Amino acid sequence: MRILYVHGYNGDPYGSSFSHLKKAAGASHELYSVDYKAEDPRAAIELIRQTAMSHEIDVIIGASLGGFLTMHIFGFSRIIVNPCWDPANELPHVGYTGDTALYSTLLEQFKENTDFEEKNLCSVCIAPHDELLGERYRDILENHFRNVYVISGGHRICEDSAEEIINNVLPIHEENVRTFVKQLKGMDNLPMWDI
């Protein structure tokens, strides 16, 4: 399986979270990463989409701000980890001084326009001991997405949470996506996903 990792705000595309995921993935999966500029979320979303298409990615795993951006990669199988649901509110608390208006716009569009299909193609991992976001978005995420999983660790992906994401959540997520796609193919009025 080909996995694309999307780091959080001011993260390193090949930093510790990537290393933990790569170790957990072992030889069973190919792991790729992408870097982006937080100042232009629309360009970041397009870069992630293009990278996923060019590497024929099977699943995108985005963490924190990368989780927010990954939410917007419609049509792809996705897992978001401790996602920053509301970057316009959260980014200034971690030193971001740029304009947050586009993040607010993207969130409102996401809440209004997310299709039923997308709620099934995206799973969420939440660490209750997340020292940055805590559980303040947990209710929103559980109401918005169909599959929400609790993982160990804090905000950053650590060795234990990487193992859980790759070995526990990923297989369940992919089976759920396959089952959902099979159901879609049996319905005439819904798009035909090829995942």
N, C-alpha and C. Protein backbone atom coordinates (compact mmCIF):
# COMPACT_ATOMS: atom_id res chain seq x y z
N MET A 1 0.84 -1.18 0.00
CA MET A 1 0.00 0.00 0.00
C MET A 1 0.89 1.24 0.00
N ARG A 2 0.48 2.25 -0.76
CA ARG A 2 1.22 3.51 -0.83
C ARG A 2 0.51 4.53 0.07
N ILE A 3 1.27 5.08 1.02
CA ILE A 3 0.73 6.01 2.00
C ILE A 3 1.43 7.36 1.85
N LEU A 4 0.64 8.43 1.85
CA LEU A 4 1.18 9.78 1.83
C LEU A 4 0.95 10.41 3.19
N TYR A 5 2.03 10.88 3.83
CA TYR A 5 1.94 11.54 5.13
C TYR A 5 1.98 13.06 4.94
N VAL A 6 1.07 13.77 5.63
CA VAL A 6 1.01 15.23 5.58
C VAL A 6 1.22 15.75 6.99
N HIS A 7 2.32 16.45 7.22
CA HIS A 7 2.71 16.92 8.55
C HIS A 7 1.85 18.08 9.02
N GLY A 8 1.99 18.43 10.30
CA GLY A 8 1.28 19.55 10.89
C GLY A 8 2.00 20.87 10.70
N TYR A 9 1.45 21.91 11.32
CA TYR A 9 2.01 23.26 11.21
C TYR A 9 3.46 23.29 11.68
N ASN A 10 4.32 23.88 10.87
CA ASN A 10 5.76 23.99 11.13
C ASN A 10 6.42 22.64 11.31
N GLY A 11 5.79 21.59 10.82
CA GLY A 11 6.35 20.25 10.94
C GLY A 11 7.38 19.97 9.85
N ASP A 12 8.02 18.86 10.02
CA ASP A 12 9.05 18.40 9.09
C ASP A 12 8.45 17.22 8.32
N PRO A 13 8.43 17.28 7.01
CA PRO A 13 7.84 16.17 6.25
C PRO A 13 8.53 14.83 6.51
N TYR A 14 9.79 14.88 6.96
CA TYR A 14 10.53 13.64 7.24
C TYR A 14 11.00 13.60 8.69
N GLY A 15 10.26 14.24 9.58
CA GLY A 15 10.61 14.31 10.99
C GLY A 15 10.21 13.06 11.76
N SER A 16 10.08 13.21 13.07
CA SER A 16 9.85 12.06 13.95
C SER A 16 8.52 11.35 13.66
N SER A 17 7.46 12.10 13.35
CA SER A 17 6.17 11.45 13.06
C SER A 17 6.28 10.57 11.82
N PHE A 18 6.92 11.12 10.78
CA PHE A 18 7.14 10.34 9.57
C PHE A 18 7.96 9.09 9.88
N SER A 19 9.03 9.26 10.66
CA SER A 19 9.91 8.13 11.01
C SER A 19 9.15 7.05 11.78
N HIS A 20 8.29 7.45 12.71
CA HIS A 20 7.51 6.48 13.48
C HIS A 20 6.54 5.73 12.57
N LEU A 21 5.89 6.46 11.66
CA LEU A 21 4.97 5.80 10.73
C LEU A 21 5.73 4.86 9.79
N LYS A 22 6.89 5.30 9.32
CA LYS A 22 7.69 4.47 8.41
C LYS A 22 8.13 3.19 9.09
N LYS A 23 8.55 3.30 10.35
CA LYS A 23 8.96 2.12 11.10
C LYS A 23 7.77 1.17 11.29
N ALA A 24 6.61 1.72 11.64
CA ALA A 24 5.41 0.90 11.84
C ALA A 24 4.97 0.25 10.52
N ALA A 25 5.14 0.98 9.42
CA ALA A 25 4.73 0.46 8.11
C ALA A 25 5.63 -0.67 7.64
N GLY A 26 6.91 -0.65 8.05
CA GLY A 26 7.84 -1.69 7.66
C GLY A 26 7.92 -1.85 6.16
N ALA A 27 8.14 -3.08 5.72
CA ALA A 27 8.26 -3.35 4.29
C ALA A 27 6.90 -3.54 3.62
N SER A 28 5.84 -3.56 4.42
CA SER A 28 4.50 -3.82 3.88
C SER A 28 3.93 -2.64 3.10
N HIS A 29 4.40 -1.43 3.41
CA HIS A 29 3.85 -0.22 2.80
C HIS A 29 4.96 0.71 2.36
N GLU A 30 4.69 1.48 1.31
CA GLU A 30 5.59 2.55 0.88
C GLU A 30 5.07 3.85 1.48
N LEU A 31 5.95 4.61 2.11
CA LEU A 31 5.53 5.86 2.75
C LEU A 31 6.18 7.04 2.05
N TYR A 32 5.34 8.00 1.68
CA TYR A 32 5.78 9.23 1.03
C TYR A 32 5.41 10.40 1.94
N SER A 33 5.98 11.56 1.67
CA SER A 33 5.62 12.75 2.43
C SER A 33 5.58 13.95 1.49
N VAL A 34 4.98 15.01 1.97
CA VAL A 34 4.87 16.23 1.18
C VAL A 34 5.05 17.42 2.12
N ASP A 35 5.67 18.48 1.62
CA ASP A 35 5.83 19.71 2.39
C ASP A 35 4.92 20.77 1.77
N TYR A 36 4.47 21.71 2.56
CA TYR A 36 3.55 22.74 2.07
C TYR A 36 3.77 24.03 2.85
N LYS A 37 3.20 25.11 2.36
CA LYS A 37 3.26 26.39 3.05
C LYS A 37 1.91 26.67 3.69
N ALA A 38 1.90 26.87 5.01
CA ALA A 38 0.65 27.10 5.74
C ALA A 38 -0.03 28.39 5.33
N GLU A 39 0.73 29.34 4.76
CA GLU A 39 0.16 30.63 4.39
C GLU A 39 -0.84 30.53 3.24
N ASP A 40 -0.80 29.46 2.48
CA ASP A 40 -1.71 29.32 1.33
C ASP A 40 -2.35 27.93 1.35
N PRO A 41 -3.42 27.77 2.16
CA PRO A 41 -4.02 26.44 2.29
C PRO A 41 -4.59 25.87 0.99
N ARG A 42 -5.09 26.73 0.11
CA ARG A 42 -5.62 26.20 -1.17
C ARG A 42 -4.50 25.60 -2.01
N ALA A 43 -3.35 26.27 -2.06
CA ALA A 43 -2.19 25.73 -2.79
C ALA A 43 -1.70 24.46 -2.12
N ALA A 44 -1.74 24.42 -0.77
CA ALA A 44 -1.32 23.21 -0.05
C ALA A 44 -2.22 22.04 -0.39
N ILE A 45 -3.52 22.27 -0.42
CA ILE A 45 -4.49 21.21 -0.75
C ILE A 45 -4.22 20.70 -2.17
N GLU A 46 -3.99 21.60 -3.10
CA GLU A 46 -3.72 21.19 -4.48
C GLU A 46 -2.40 20.42 -4.58
N LEU A 47 -1.38 20.85 -3.84
CA LEU A 47 -0.10 20.14 -3.84
C LEU A 47 -0.27 18.72 -3.30
N ILE A 48 -1.02 18.58 -2.22
CA ILE A 48 -1.26 17.25 -1.64
C ILE A 48 -2.00 16.37 -2.65
N ARG A 49 -3.03 16.93 -3.29
CA ARG A 49 -3.80 16.18 -4.29
C ARG A 49 -2.92 15.73 -5.45
N GLN A 50 -2.10 16.64 -5.97
CA GLN A 50 -1.22 16.32 -7.09
C GLN A 50 -0.19 15.26 -6.70
N THR A 51 0.36 15.38 -5.49
CA THR A 51 1.33 14.40 -5.01
C THR A 51 0.67 13.03 -4.87
N ALA A 52 -0.53 13.00 -4.33
CA ALA A 52 -1.26 11.74 -4.17
C ALA A 52 -1.54 11.09 -5.52
N MET A 53 -1.90 11.90 -6.51
CA MET A 53 -2.19 11.34 -7.84
C MET A 53 -0.90 10.87 -8.51
N SER A 54 0.16 11.64 -8.42
CA SER A 54 1.39 11.28 -9.13
C SER A 54 2.05 10.03 -8.56
N HIS A 55 1.87 9.77 -7.26
CA HIS A 55 2.44 8.58 -6.64
C HIS A 55 1.42 7.44 -6.50
N GLU A 56 0.24 7.64 -7.08
CA GLU A 56 -0.82 6.62 -7.01
C GLU A 56 -1.04 6.15 -5.57
N ILE A 57 -1.25 7.14 -4.69
CA ILE A 57 -1.40 6.91 -3.25
C ILE A 57 -2.71 6.19 -2.95
N ASP A 58 -2.63 5.21 -2.05
CA ASP A 58 -3.81 4.46 -1.62
C ASP A 58 -4.52 5.12 -0.45
N VAL A 59 -3.76 5.72 0.45
CA VAL A 59 -4.35 6.40 1.61
C VAL A 59 -3.46 7.56 2.02
N ILE A 60 -4.10 8.67 2.42
CA ILE A 60 -3.40 9.85 2.89
C ILE A 60 -3.60 9.91 4.40
N ILE A 61 -2.49 10.10 5.14
CA ILE A 61 -2.56 10.28 6.59
C ILE A 61 -2.06 11.68 6.89
N GLY A 62 -2.96 12.51 7.41
CA GLY A 62 -2.61 13.89 7.75
C GLY A 62 -2.74 14.12 9.24
N ALA A 63 -1.78 14.84 9.83
CA ALA A 63 -1.79 15.10 11.27
C ALA A 63 -1.91 16.59 11.54
N SER A 64 -2.71 16.94 12.55
CA SER A 64 -2.88 18.30 13.03
C SER A 64 -3.34 19.22 11.88
N LEU A 65 -2.58 20.26 11.53
CA LEU A 65 -2.97 21.10 10.40
C LEU A 65 -2.98 20.28 9.11
N GLY A 66 -2.05 19.33 9.01
CA GLY A 66 -2.06 18.42 7.86
C GLY A 66 -3.34 17.59 7.82
N GLY A 67 -3.94 17.34 8.98
CA GLY A 67 -5.24 16.65 9.04
C GLY A 67 -6.35 17.52 8.47
N PHE A 68 -6.32 18.81 8.80
CA PHE A 68 -7.30 19.74 8.24
C PHE A 68 -7.18 19.78 6.73
N LEU A 69 -5.95 19.91 6.23
CA LEU A 69 -5.75 19.97 4.78
C LEU A 69 -6.16 18.65 4.13
N THR A 70 -5.85 17.54 4.77
CA THR A 70 -6.18 16.21 4.24
C THR A 70 -7.69 16.00 4.17
N MET A 71 -8.43 16.60 5.09
CA MET A 71 -9.90 16.50 5.04
C MET A 71 -10.42 16.96 3.68
N HIS A 72 -9.71 17.90 3.07
CA HIS A 72 -10.17 18.51 1.82
C HIS A 72 -9.69 17.79 0.56
N ILE A 73 -9.04 16.66 0.71
CA ILE A 73 -8.57 15.92 -0.47
C ILE A 73 -9.66 14.92 -0.84
N PHE A 74 -10.74 15.44 -1.36
CA PHE A 74 -11.92 14.64 -1.66
C PHE A 74 -11.62 13.58 -2.71
N GLY A 75 -12.29 12.44 -2.55
CA GLY A 75 -12.14 11.35 -3.50
C GLY A 75 -11.03 10.38 -3.15
N PHE A 76 -10.27 10.67 -2.09
CA PHE A 76 -9.18 9.80 -1.66
C PHE A 76 -9.52 9.17 -0.31
N SER A 77 -9.01 7.98 -0.09
CA SER A 77 -9.08 7.35 1.22
C SER A 77 -8.15 8.13 2.15
N ARG A 78 -8.67 8.55 3.34
CA ARG A 78 -7.90 9.43 4.21
C ARG A 78 -8.07 9.05 5.67
N ILE A 79 -6.99 9.24 6.43
CA ILE A 79 -7.02 9.14 7.89
C ILE A 79 -6.44 10.42 8.43
N ILE A 80 -7.20 11.10 9.28
CA ILE A 80 -6.70 12.34 9.88
C ILE A 80 -6.45 12.09 11.36
N VAL A 81 -5.30 12.56 11.83
CA VAL A 81 -4.83 12.29 13.19
C VAL A 81 -4.78 13.60 13.98
N ASN A 82 -5.50 13.65 15.09
CA ASN A 82 -5.58 14.86 15.91
C ASN A 82 -5.73 16.09 15.02
N PRO A 83 -6.76 16.09 14.17
CA PRO A 83 -6.87 17.17 13.19
C PRO A 83 -7.16 18.52 13.85
N CYS A 84 -6.58 19.55 13.30
CA CYS A 84 -6.86 20.91 13.71
C CYS A 84 -8.14 21.34 12.99
N TRP A 85 -9.27 21.07 13.61
CA TRP A 85 -10.58 21.30 12.98
C TRP A 85 -10.76 22.78 12.61
N ASP A 86 -10.27 23.68 13.45
CA ASP A 86 -10.50 25.11 13.25
C ASP A 86 -9.17 25.87 13.25
N PRO A 87 -8.41 25.81 12.16
CA PRO A 87 -7.10 26.47 12.13
C PRO A 87 -7.16 27.97 12.39
N ALA A 88 -8.22 28.64 11.96
CA ALA A 88 -8.30 30.09 12.17
C ALA A 88 -8.27 30.42 13.66
N ASN A 89 -8.82 29.55 14.47
CA ASN A 89 -8.82 29.74 15.92
C ASN A 89 -7.53 29.23 16.56
N GLU A 90 -7.00 28.10 16.08
CA GLU A 90 -5.87 27.44 16.73
C GLU A 90 -4.50 27.96 16.32
N LEU A 91 -4.31 28.31 15.05
CA LEU A 91 -2.98 28.69 14.57
C LEU A 91 -2.36 29.89 15.31
N PRO A 92 -3.12 30.94 15.63
CA PRO A 92 -2.51 32.06 16.36
C PRO A 92 -1.94 31.64 17.73
N HIS A 93 -2.47 30.58 18.32
CA HIS A 93 -1.97 30.11 19.62
C HIS A 93 -0.60 29.43 19.52
N VAL A 94 -0.20 29.06 18.30
CA VAL A 94 1.10 28.39 18.12
C VAL A 94 2.07 29.25 17.31
N GLY A 95 1.81 30.56 17.28
CA GLY A 95 2.75 31.49 16.68
C GLY A 95 2.49 31.90 15.24
N TYR A 96 1.43 31.43 14.65
CA TYR A 96 1.12 31.79 13.26
C TYR A 96 0.63 33.24 13.23
N THR A 97 1.23 34.06 12.38
CA THR A 97 0.85 35.47 12.31
C THR A 97 0.22 35.84 10.97
N GLY A 98 0.02 34.85 10.11
CA GLY A 98 -0.57 35.12 8.80
C GLY A 98 -2.08 35.30 8.87
N ASP A 99 -2.65 35.56 7.73
CA ASP A 99 -4.10 35.74 7.60
C ASP A 99 -4.78 34.38 7.75
N THR A 100 -5.80 34.32 8.58
CA THR A 100 -6.51 33.06 8.81
C THR A 100 -7.88 33.02 8.13
N ALA A 101 -8.23 34.08 7.41
CA ALA A 101 -9.56 34.16 6.80
C ALA A 101 -9.83 33.00 5.85
N LEU A 102 -8.85 32.61 5.06
CA LEU A 102 -9.06 31.52 4.10
C LEU A 102 -9.31 30.20 4.82
N TYR A 103 -8.68 30.01 5.97
CA TYR A 103 -8.95 28.80 6.76
C TYR A 103 -10.41 28.78 7.22
N SER A 104 -10.92 29.93 7.65
CA SER A 104 -12.33 30.02 8.06
C SER A 104 -13.25 29.70 6.90
N THR A 105 -12.92 30.24 5.74
CA THR A 105 -13.73 29.99 4.54
C THR A 105 -13.72 28.51 4.17
N LEU A 106 -12.54 27.90 4.20
CA LEU A 106 -12.43 26.47 3.87
C LEU A 106 -13.22 25.62 4.85
N LEU A 107 -13.18 25.95 6.13
CA LEU A 107 -13.93 25.18 7.12
C LEU A 107 -15.43 25.30 6.89
N GLU A 108 -15.90 26.51 6.62
CA GLU A 108 -17.34 26.70 6.37
C GLU A 108 -17.77 25.93 5.11
N GLN A 109 -16.97 25.99 4.06
CA GLN A 109 -17.28 25.24 2.84
C GLN A 109 -17.28 23.75 3.11
N PHE A 110 -16.34 23.29 3.91
CA PHE A 110 -16.26 21.87 4.24
C PHE A 110 -17.50 21.42 4.99
N LYS A 111 -17.91 22.19 5.98
CA LYS A 111 -19.08 21.83 6.78
C LYS A 111 -20.35 21.82 5.93
N GLU A 112 -20.45 22.73 4.98
CA GLU A 112 -21.64 22.83 4.14
C GLU A 112 -21.66 21.84 2.99
N ASN A 113 -20.50 21.53 2.43
CA ASN A 113 -20.45 20.81 1.15
C ASN A 113 -19.94 19.38 1.22
N THR A 114 -19.58 18.90 2.39
CA THR A 114 -19.04 17.55 2.45
C THR A 114 -20.13 16.54 2.11
N ASP A 115 -19.86 15.73 1.13
CA ASP A 115 -20.81 14.71 0.68
C ASP A 115 -20.83 13.53 1.64
N PHE A 116 -21.91 12.80 1.60
CA PHE A 116 -22.04 11.57 2.38
C PHE A 116 -20.88 10.64 2.10
N GLU A 117 -20.46 10.57 0.83
CA GLU A 117 -19.36 9.68 0.45
C GLU A 117 -18.09 10.03 1.20
N GLU A 118 -17.82 11.33 1.33
CA GLU A 118 -16.58 11.77 1.97
C GLU A 118 -16.53 11.42 3.44
N LYS A 119 -17.68 11.39 4.08
CA LYS A 119 -17.72 11.02 5.50
C LYS A 119 -17.33 9.56 5.69
N ASN A 120 -17.44 8.77 4.66
CA ASN A 120 -17.07 7.36 4.72
C ASN A 120 -15.66 7.09 4.22
N LEU A 121 -15.10 8.02 3.46
CA LEU A 121 -13.75 7.84 2.92
C LEU A 121 -12.68 8.39 3.86
N CYS A 122 -13.10 9.07 4.92
CA CYS A 122 -12.17 9.70 5.85
C CYS A 122 -12.42 9.20 7.27
N SER A 123 -11.39 8.65 7.90
CA SER A 123 -11.46 8.23 9.30
C SER A 123 -10.64 9.19 10.15
N VAL A 124 -10.99 9.24 11.43
CA VAL A 124 -10.35 10.17 12.36
C VAL A 124 -9.71 9.40 13.51
N CYS A 125 -8.48 9.79 13.89
CA CYS A 125 -7.81 9.25 15.08
C CYS A 125 -7.64 10.40 16.07
N ILE A 126 -8.07 10.17 17.29
CA ILE A 126 -7.97 11.19 18.34
C ILE A 126 -7.22 10.60 19.53
N ALA A 127 -6.22 11.34 20.01
CA ALA A 127 -5.51 10.96 21.24
C ALA A 127 -6.10 11.79 22.38
N PRO A 128 -6.74 11.15 23.35
CA PRO A 128 -7.36 11.91 24.45
C PRO A 128 -6.35 12.74 25.25
N HIS A 129 -5.07 12.37 25.18
CA HIS A 129 -4.04 13.10 25.92
C HIS A 129 -3.33 14.13 25.05
N ASP A 130 -4.02 14.57 24.00
CA ASP A 130 -3.49 15.60 23.10
C ASP A 130 -3.30 16.89 23.88
N GLU A 131 -2.04 17.26 24.12
CA GLU A 131 -1.74 18.43 24.94
C GLU A 131 -2.00 19.75 24.22
N LEU A 132 -2.17 19.72 22.91
CA LEU A 132 -2.39 20.94 22.14
C LEU A 132 -3.87 21.21 21.91
N LEU A 133 -4.60 20.21 21.44
CA LEU A 133 -6.02 20.39 21.12
C LEU A 133 -6.96 19.77 22.15
N GLY A 134 -6.42 18.86 22.98
CA GLY A 134 -7.28 18.18 23.93
C GLY A 134 -8.38 17.41 23.20
N GLU A 135 -9.56 17.42 23.76
CA GLU A 135 -10.69 16.74 23.13
C GLU A 135 -11.78 17.73 22.73
N ARG A 136 -11.41 19.03 22.60
CA ARG A 136 -12.46 20.03 22.35
C ARG A 136 -13.17 19.87 21.01
N TYR A 137 -12.56 19.20 20.05
CA TYR A 137 -13.22 19.00 18.77
C TYR A 137 -13.78 17.59 18.61
N ARG A 138 -13.65 16.78 19.64
CA ARG A 138 -14.05 15.37 19.53
C ARG A 138 -15.53 15.22 19.15
N ASP A 139 -16.42 15.95 19.83
CA ASP A 139 -17.85 15.84 19.53
C ASP A 139 -18.15 16.24 18.09
N ILE A 140 -17.52 17.32 17.63
CA ILE A 140 -17.73 17.78 16.26
C ILE A 140 -17.28 16.70 15.28
N LEU A 141 -16.08 16.16 15.51
CA LEU A 141 -15.53 15.14 14.60
C LEU A 141 -16.39 13.87 14.62
N GLU A 142 -16.85 13.46 15.80
CA GLU A 142 -17.68 12.26 15.88
C GLU A 142 -19.03 12.47 15.21
N ASN A 143 -19.54 13.69 15.22
CA ASN A 143 -20.81 13.98 14.54
C ASN A 143 -20.64 14.12 13.05
N HIS A 144 -19.44 14.50 12.62
CA HIS A 144 -19.23 14.75 11.21
C HIS A 144 -18.78 13.52 10.43
N PHE A 145 -17.89 12.73 11.05
CA PHE A 145 -17.33 11.58 10.35
C PHE A 145 -17.91 10.29 10.90
N ARG A 146 -17.95 9.27 10.07
CA ARG A 146 -18.54 8.00 10.45
C ARG A 146 -17.64 7.17 11.35
N ASN A 147 -16.31 7.22 11.11
CA ASN A 147 -15.37 6.36 11.84
C ASN A 147 -14.34 7.19 12.60
N VAL A 148 -14.45 7.16 13.93
CA VAL A 148 -13.53 7.88 14.80
C VAL A 148 -12.91 6.87 15.76
N TYR A 149 -11.57 6.90 15.86
CA TYR A 149 -10.84 5.93 16.68
C TYR A 149 -10.01 6.67 17.73
N VAL A 150 -9.89 6.07 18.90
CA VAL A 150 -9.07 6.62 19.97
C VAL A 150 -7.71 5.92 19.91
N ILE A 151 -6.66 6.75 19.91
CA ILE A 151 -5.29 6.22 19.89
C ILE A 151 -4.53 6.73 21.11
N SER A 152 -3.41 6.12 21.41
CA SER A 152 -2.61 6.55 22.56
C SER A 152 -1.72 7.71 22.16
N GLY A 153 -1.01 8.24 23.15
CA GLY A 153 -0.05 9.30 22.89
C GLY A 153 -0.66 10.68 23.03
N GLY A 154 0.12 11.66 22.59
CA GLY A 154 -0.30 13.05 22.65
C GLY A 154 -0.58 13.59 21.27
N HIS A 155 -0.33 14.89 21.08
CA HIS A 155 -0.66 15.52 19.81
C HIS A 155 0.18 14.99 18.65
N ARG A 156 1.48 14.87 18.87
CA ARG A 156 2.35 14.35 17.81
C ARG A 156 2.24 12.84 17.72
N ILE A 157 2.45 12.33 16.53
CA ILE A 157 2.45 10.88 16.35
C ILE A 157 3.74 10.33 16.96
N CYS A 158 3.57 9.46 17.95
CA CYS A 158 4.72 8.83 18.60
C CYS A 158 4.83 7.38 18.12
N GLU A 159 5.78 6.66 18.65
CA GLU A 159 5.98 5.28 18.21
C GLU A 159 4.74 4.42 18.45
N ASP A 160 4.14 4.55 19.65
CA ASP A 160 2.96 3.75 19.97
C ASP A 160 1.76 4.11 19.09
N SER A 161 1.50 5.42 18.93
CA SER A 161 0.35 5.81 18.12
C SER A 161 0.56 5.46 16.65
N ALA A 162 1.80 5.53 16.16
CA ALA A 162 2.09 5.13 14.78
C ALA A 162 1.77 3.65 14.58
N GLU A 163 2.16 2.82 15.54
CA GLU A 163 1.84 1.38 15.48
C GLU A 163 0.33 1.17 15.43
N GLU A 164 -0.40 1.90 16.26
CA GLU A 164 -1.85 1.76 16.29
C GLU A 164 -2.48 2.21 14.97
N ILE A 165 -2.00 3.33 14.44
CA ILE A 165 -2.55 3.85 13.18
C ILE A 165 -2.32 2.85 12.05
N ILE A 166 -1.09 2.37 11.91
CA ILE A 166 -0.74 1.48 10.80
C ILE A 166 -1.31 0.08 10.98
N ASN A 167 -1.21 -0.48 12.18
CA ASN A 167 -1.57 -1.89 12.38
C ASN A 167 -3.00 -2.13 12.84
N ASN A 168 -3.63 -1.12 13.43
CA ASN A 168 -5.01 -1.30 13.90
C ASN A 168 -6.02 -0.50 13.08
N VAL A 169 -5.80 0.82 13.00
CA VAL A 169 -6.77 1.68 12.33
C VAL A 169 -6.76 1.50 10.82
N LEU A 170 -5.58 1.50 10.20
CA LEU A 170 -5.49 1.41 8.74
C LEU A 170 -6.21 0.19 8.16
N PRO A 171 -6.03 -1.02 8.69
CA PRO A 171 -6.75 -2.16 8.12
C PRO A 171 -8.27 -2.04 8.24
N ILE A 172 -8.74 -1.52 9.38
CA ILE A 172 -10.19 -1.34 9.56
C ILE A 172 -10.70 -0.26 8.62
N HIS A 173 -9.95 0.84 8.53
CA HIS A 173 -10.33 1.94 7.64
C HIS A 173 -10.45 1.44 6.20
N GLU A 174 -9.44 0.74 5.73
CA GLU A 174 -9.46 0.27 4.34
C GLU A 174 -10.57 -0.73 4.09
N GLU A 175 -10.87 -1.58 5.05
CA GLU A 175 -11.99 -2.51 4.89
C GLU A 175 -13.31 -1.75 4.84
N ASN A 176 -13.45 -0.73 5.69
CA ASN A 176 -14.66 0.10 5.66
C ASN A 176 -14.80 0.81 4.32
N VAL A 177 -13.70 1.32 3.79
CA VAL A 177 -13.74 2.00 2.49
C VAL A 177 -14.13 1.02 1.39
N ARG A 178 -13.52 -0.17 1.40
CA ARG A 178 -13.86 -1.18 0.38
C ARG A 178 -15.34 -1.56 0.45
N THR A 179 -15.84 -1.76 1.66
CA THR A 179 -17.26 -2.12 1.84
C THR A 179 -18.15 -0.99 1.36
N PHE A 180 -17.79 0.23 1.69
CA PHE A 180 -18.58 1.38 1.28
C PHE A 180 -18.59 1.52 -0.24
N VAL A 181 -17.44 1.35 -0.87
CA VAL A 181 -17.35 1.45 -2.33
C VAL A 181 -18.20 0.38 -2.99
N LYS A 182 -18.18 -0.84 -2.45
CA LYS A 182 -19.02 -1.91 -3.00
C LYS A 182 -20.49 -1.55 -2.91
N GLN A 183 -20.87 -0.93 -1.79
CA GLN A 183 -22.27 -0.51 -1.64
C GLN A 183 -22.62 0.56 -2.66
N LEU A 184 -21.69 1.51 -2.86
CA LEU A 184 -21.93 2.58 -3.83
C LEU A 184 -22.13 2.03 -5.23
N LYS A 185 -21.33 1.04 -5.59
CA LYS A 185 -21.41 0.49 -6.95
C LYS A 185 -22.74 -0.19 -7.21
N GLY A 186 -23.44 -0.54 -6.15
CA GLY A 186 -24.75 -1.15 -6.31
C GLY A 186 -25.88 -0.14 -6.38
N MET A 187 -25.54 1.15 -6.26
CA MET A 187 -26.56 2.21 -6.29
C MET A 187 -26.41 3.02 -7.56
N ASP A 188 -27.49 3.18 -8.29
CA ASP A 188 -27.44 3.84 -9.59
C ASP A 188 -27.18 5.34 -9.52
N ASN A 189 -27.65 6.00 -8.47
CA ASN A 189 -27.60 7.46 -8.46
C ASN A 189 -26.39 8.04 -7.74
N LEU A 190 -25.41 7.20 -7.36
CA LEU A 190 -24.23 7.69 -6.67
C LEU A 190 -22.98 7.48 -7.54
N PRO A 191 -21.94 8.28 -7.32
CA PRO A 191 -20.74 8.14 -8.14
C PRO A 191 -20.08 6.78 -7.97
N MET A 192 -19.34 6.38 -8.98
CA MET A 192 -18.65 5.10 -8.97
C MET A 192 -17.20 5.32 -8.55
N TRP A 193 -16.89 5.07 -7.29
CA TRP A 193 -15.53 5.23 -6.79
C TRP A 193 -14.70 4.03 -7.20
N ASP A 194 -13.48 4.30 -7.58
CA ASP A 194 -12.56 3.22 -7.93
C ASP A 194 -11.39 3.26 -6.97
N ILE A 195 -11.58 2.69 -5.81
CA ILE A 195 -10.56 2.72 -4.76
C ILE A 195 -10.09 1.32 -4.49
